[in-house]
Structure formats: structure tokens, C-alpha cells
Amino acid sequence: MSIEPSVGEPDVSAAKLANFFQLGRSQAAFNSVPEMWWMLAAQFIVLITLLVVVVVI
């Protein structure tokens, strides 16, 4: 039973990351600041980290 909740949590976090990703892109479009690349890079790192954690668990 402990496996099912752990599988559900990444889905919720993935949805939140998708929202943050869209917000980051929209803000970058309005600001047109080179810093958007750092935001995107950080988001990709978080996504990869979550994938690794889910696979390991």
C-alpha cells in the first residue's frame, strides 16, 4: 500500500512543475530576460531529479 501513494505523489508534483514551467515561460515572454534560461535549467534539473528519485524508489 505504501507504493500506491508514492506513485500518486509524483503525479501531483509533476502537475505543479508543469504549472511552474508554464508560468516561467509566460513571465520570460513578458520580461524577455536572459535569466529565463536559468529558470528553465533549474526546472529541468528538478524534473530529472524527480524522475531519478521515482525510478530509484
N, C-alpha and C. Protein backbone atom coordinates (compact mmCIF):
# COMPACT_ATOMS: atom_id res chain seq x y z
N MET A 1 0.82 -1.20 0.00
CA MET A 1 0.00 0.00 0.00
C MET A 1 0.86 1.26 0.00
N SER A 2 2.04 1.16 0.54
CA SER A 2 2.91 2.33 0.59
C SER A 2 3.40 2.70 -0.81
N ILE A 3 3.31 1.74 -1.75
CA ILE A 3 3.79 2.02 -3.10
C ILE A 3 2.80 2.90 -3.86
N GLU A 4 1.50 2.68 -3.65
CA GLU A 4 0.50 3.44 -4.40
C GLU A 4 0.56 4.94 -4.12
N PRO A 5 0.61 5.37 -2.84
CA PRO A 5 0.71 6.82 -2.57
C PRO A 5 1.98 7.41 -3.15
N SER A 6 3.09 6.68 -3.11
CA SER A 6 4.35 7.21 -3.63
C SER A 6 4.24 7.40 -5.14
N VAL A 7 3.41 6.58 -5.79
CA VAL A 7 3.24 6.73 -7.24
C VAL A 7 2.32 7.91 -7.52
N GLY A 8 1.38 8.18 -6.62
CA GLY A 8 0.44 9.29 -6.83
C GLY A 8 1.09 10.63 -6.57
N GLU A 9 2.01 10.69 -5.62
CA GLU A 9 2.64 11.97 -5.28
C GLU A 9 3.42 12.57 -6.45
N PRO A 10 4.24 11.81 -7.16
CA PRO A 10 4.97 12.38 -8.30
C PRO A 10 4.03 12.98 -9.34
N ASP A 11 2.84 12.38 -9.50
CA ASP A 11 1.88 12.92 -10.46
C ASP A 11 1.47 14.33 -10.05
N VAL A 12 1.20 14.51 -8.77
CA VAL A 12 0.80 15.83 -8.27
C VAL A 12 1.94 16.81 -8.43
N SER A 13 3.14 16.39 -8.04
CA SER A 13 4.30 17.28 -8.16
C SER A 13 4.58 17.57 -9.63
N ALA A 14 4.36 16.60 -10.49
CA ALA A 14 4.58 16.81 -11.92
C ALA A 14 3.61 17.85 -12.45
N ALA A 15 2.36 17.81 -11.98
CA ALA A 15 1.37 18.80 -12.40
C ALA A 15 1.79 20.18 -11.92
N LYS A 16 2.28 20.26 -10.69
CA LYS A 16 2.74 21.55 -10.16
C LYS A 16 3.92 22.06 -10.96
N LEU A 17 4.86 21.16 -11.31
CA LEU A 17 6.02 21.56 -12.10
C LEU A 17 5.57 22.05 -13.47
N ALA A 18 4.56 21.40 -14.03
CA ALA A 18 4.05 21.83 -15.34
C ALA A 18 3.50 23.25 -15.23
N ASN A 19 2.80 23.54 -14.13
CA ASN A 19 2.27 24.89 -13.92
C ASN A 19 3.40 25.88 -13.76
N PHE A 20 4.42 25.53 -12.97
CA PHE A 20 5.57 26.43 -12.78
C PHE A 20 6.28 26.65 -14.11
N PHE A 21 6.36 25.59 -14.91
CA PHE A 21 7.04 25.69 -16.20
C PHE A 21 6.30 26.68 -17.10
N GLN A 22 4.96 26.58 -17.12
CA GLN A 22 4.16 27.50 -17.94
C GLN A 22 4.28 28.92 -17.41
N LEU A 23 4.26 29.09 -16.09
CA LEU A 23 4.39 30.42 -15.50
C LEU A 23 5.76 31.00 -15.84
N GLY A 24 6.79 30.19 -15.75
CA GLY A 24 8.14 30.66 -16.06
C GLY A 24 8.25 31.10 -17.50
N ARG A 25 7.63 30.35 -18.40
CA ARG A 25 7.70 30.71 -19.82
C ARG A 25 6.92 31.99 -20.08
N SER A 26 5.75 32.14 -19.47
CA SER A 26 4.95 33.34 -19.70
C SER A 26 5.66 34.57 -19.15
N GLN A 27 6.26 34.44 -17.96
CA GLN A 27 6.98 35.57 -17.37
C GLN A 27 8.19 35.91 -18.23
N ALA A 28 8.86 34.90 -18.73
CA ALA A 28 10.04 35.14 -19.56
C ALA A 28 9.62 35.84 -20.85
N ALA A 29 8.45 35.48 -21.37
CA ALA A 29 7.97 36.10 -22.61
C ALA A 29 7.68 37.58 -22.37
N PHE A 30 7.14 37.91 -21.22
CA PHE A 30 6.84 39.31 -20.92
C PHE A 30 8.11 40.09 -20.61
N ASN A 31 9.00 39.49 -19.87
CA ASN A 31 10.22 40.20 -19.45
C ASN A 31 11.32 40.13 -20.50
N SER A 32 11.37 39.03 -21.25
CA SER A 32 12.43 38.84 -22.25
C SER A 32 13.80 39.00 -21.61
N VAL A 33 13.97 38.39 -20.44
CA VAL A 33 15.24 38.48 -19.72
C VAL A 33 16.04 37.19 -19.92
N PRO A 34 17.35 37.30 -20.15
CA PRO A 34 18.19 36.10 -20.32
C PRO A 34 18.11 35.16 -19.12
N GLU A 35 17.65 35.67 -17.97
CA GLU A 35 17.58 34.84 -16.77
C GLU A 35 16.60 33.69 -16.95
N MET A 36 15.74 33.76 -17.96
CA MET A 36 14.76 32.69 -18.19
C MET A 36 15.49 31.37 -18.42
N TRP A 37 16.69 31.43 -19.00
CA TRP A 37 17.43 30.20 -19.25
C TRP A 37 17.80 29.53 -17.94
N TRP A 38 18.14 30.33 -16.92
CA TRP A 38 18.47 29.77 -15.61
C TRP A 38 17.24 29.12 -15.00
N MET A 39 16.08 29.76 -15.18
CA MET A 39 14.83 29.20 -14.64
C MET A 39 14.52 27.88 -15.32
N LEU A 40 14.62 27.87 -16.65
CA LEU A 40 14.34 26.64 -17.39
C LEU A 40 15.32 25.53 -17.00
N ALA A 41 16.59 25.89 -16.87
CA ALA A 41 17.60 24.91 -16.49
C ALA A 41 17.28 24.33 -15.11
N ALA A 42 16.90 25.19 -14.17
CA ALA A 42 16.57 24.74 -12.82
C ALA A 42 15.37 23.80 -12.85
N GLN A 43 14.37 24.14 -13.68
CA GLN A 43 13.17 23.31 -13.76
C GLN A 43 13.51 21.94 -14.34
N PHE A 44 14.36 21.92 -15.37
CA PHE A 44 14.75 20.64 -15.97
C PHE A 44 15.52 19.80 -14.95
N ILE A 45 16.38 20.45 -14.16
CA ILE A 45 17.14 19.73 -13.14
C ILE A 45 16.19 19.11 -12.13
N VAL A 46 15.16 19.87 -11.74
CA VAL A 46 14.18 19.36 -10.78
C VAL A 46 13.42 18.18 -11.38
N LEU A 47 13.02 18.31 -12.64
CA LEU A 47 12.30 17.21 -13.30
C LEU A 47 13.16 15.95 -13.35
N ILE A 48 14.42 16.11 -13.76
CA ILE A 48 15.32 14.96 -13.84
C ILE A 48 15.52 14.34 -12.47
N THR A 49 15.66 15.20 -11.44
CA THR A 49 15.85 14.70 -10.08
C THR A 49 14.63 13.89 -9.63
N LEU A 50 13.43 14.41 -9.91
CA LEU A 50 12.21 13.69 -9.53
C LEU A 50 12.15 12.35 -10.26
N LEU A 51 12.47 12.35 -11.54
CA LEU A 51 12.44 11.10 -12.31
C LEU A 51 13.41 10.09 -11.70
N VAL A 52 14.61 10.53 -11.35
CA VAL A 52 15.61 9.64 -10.75
C VAL A 52 15.09 9.10 -9.42
N VAL A 53 14.52 9.97 -8.60
CA VAL A 53 14.01 9.55 -7.29
C VAL A 53 12.89 8.53 -7.47
N VAL A 54 11.97 8.80 -8.40
CA VAL A 54 10.85 7.88 -8.63
C VAL A 54 11.37 6.53 -9.13
N VAL A 55 12.33 6.55 -10.03
CA VAL A 55 12.87 5.30 -10.58
C VAL A 55 13.60 4.52 -9.49
N VAL A 56 14.39 5.21 -8.67
CA VAL A 56 15.14 4.54 -7.61
C VAL A 56 14.19 3.94 -6.58
N ILE A 57 13.15 4.69 -6.24
CA ILE A 57 12.20 4.19 -5.24
C ILE A 57 11.33 3.13 -5.89
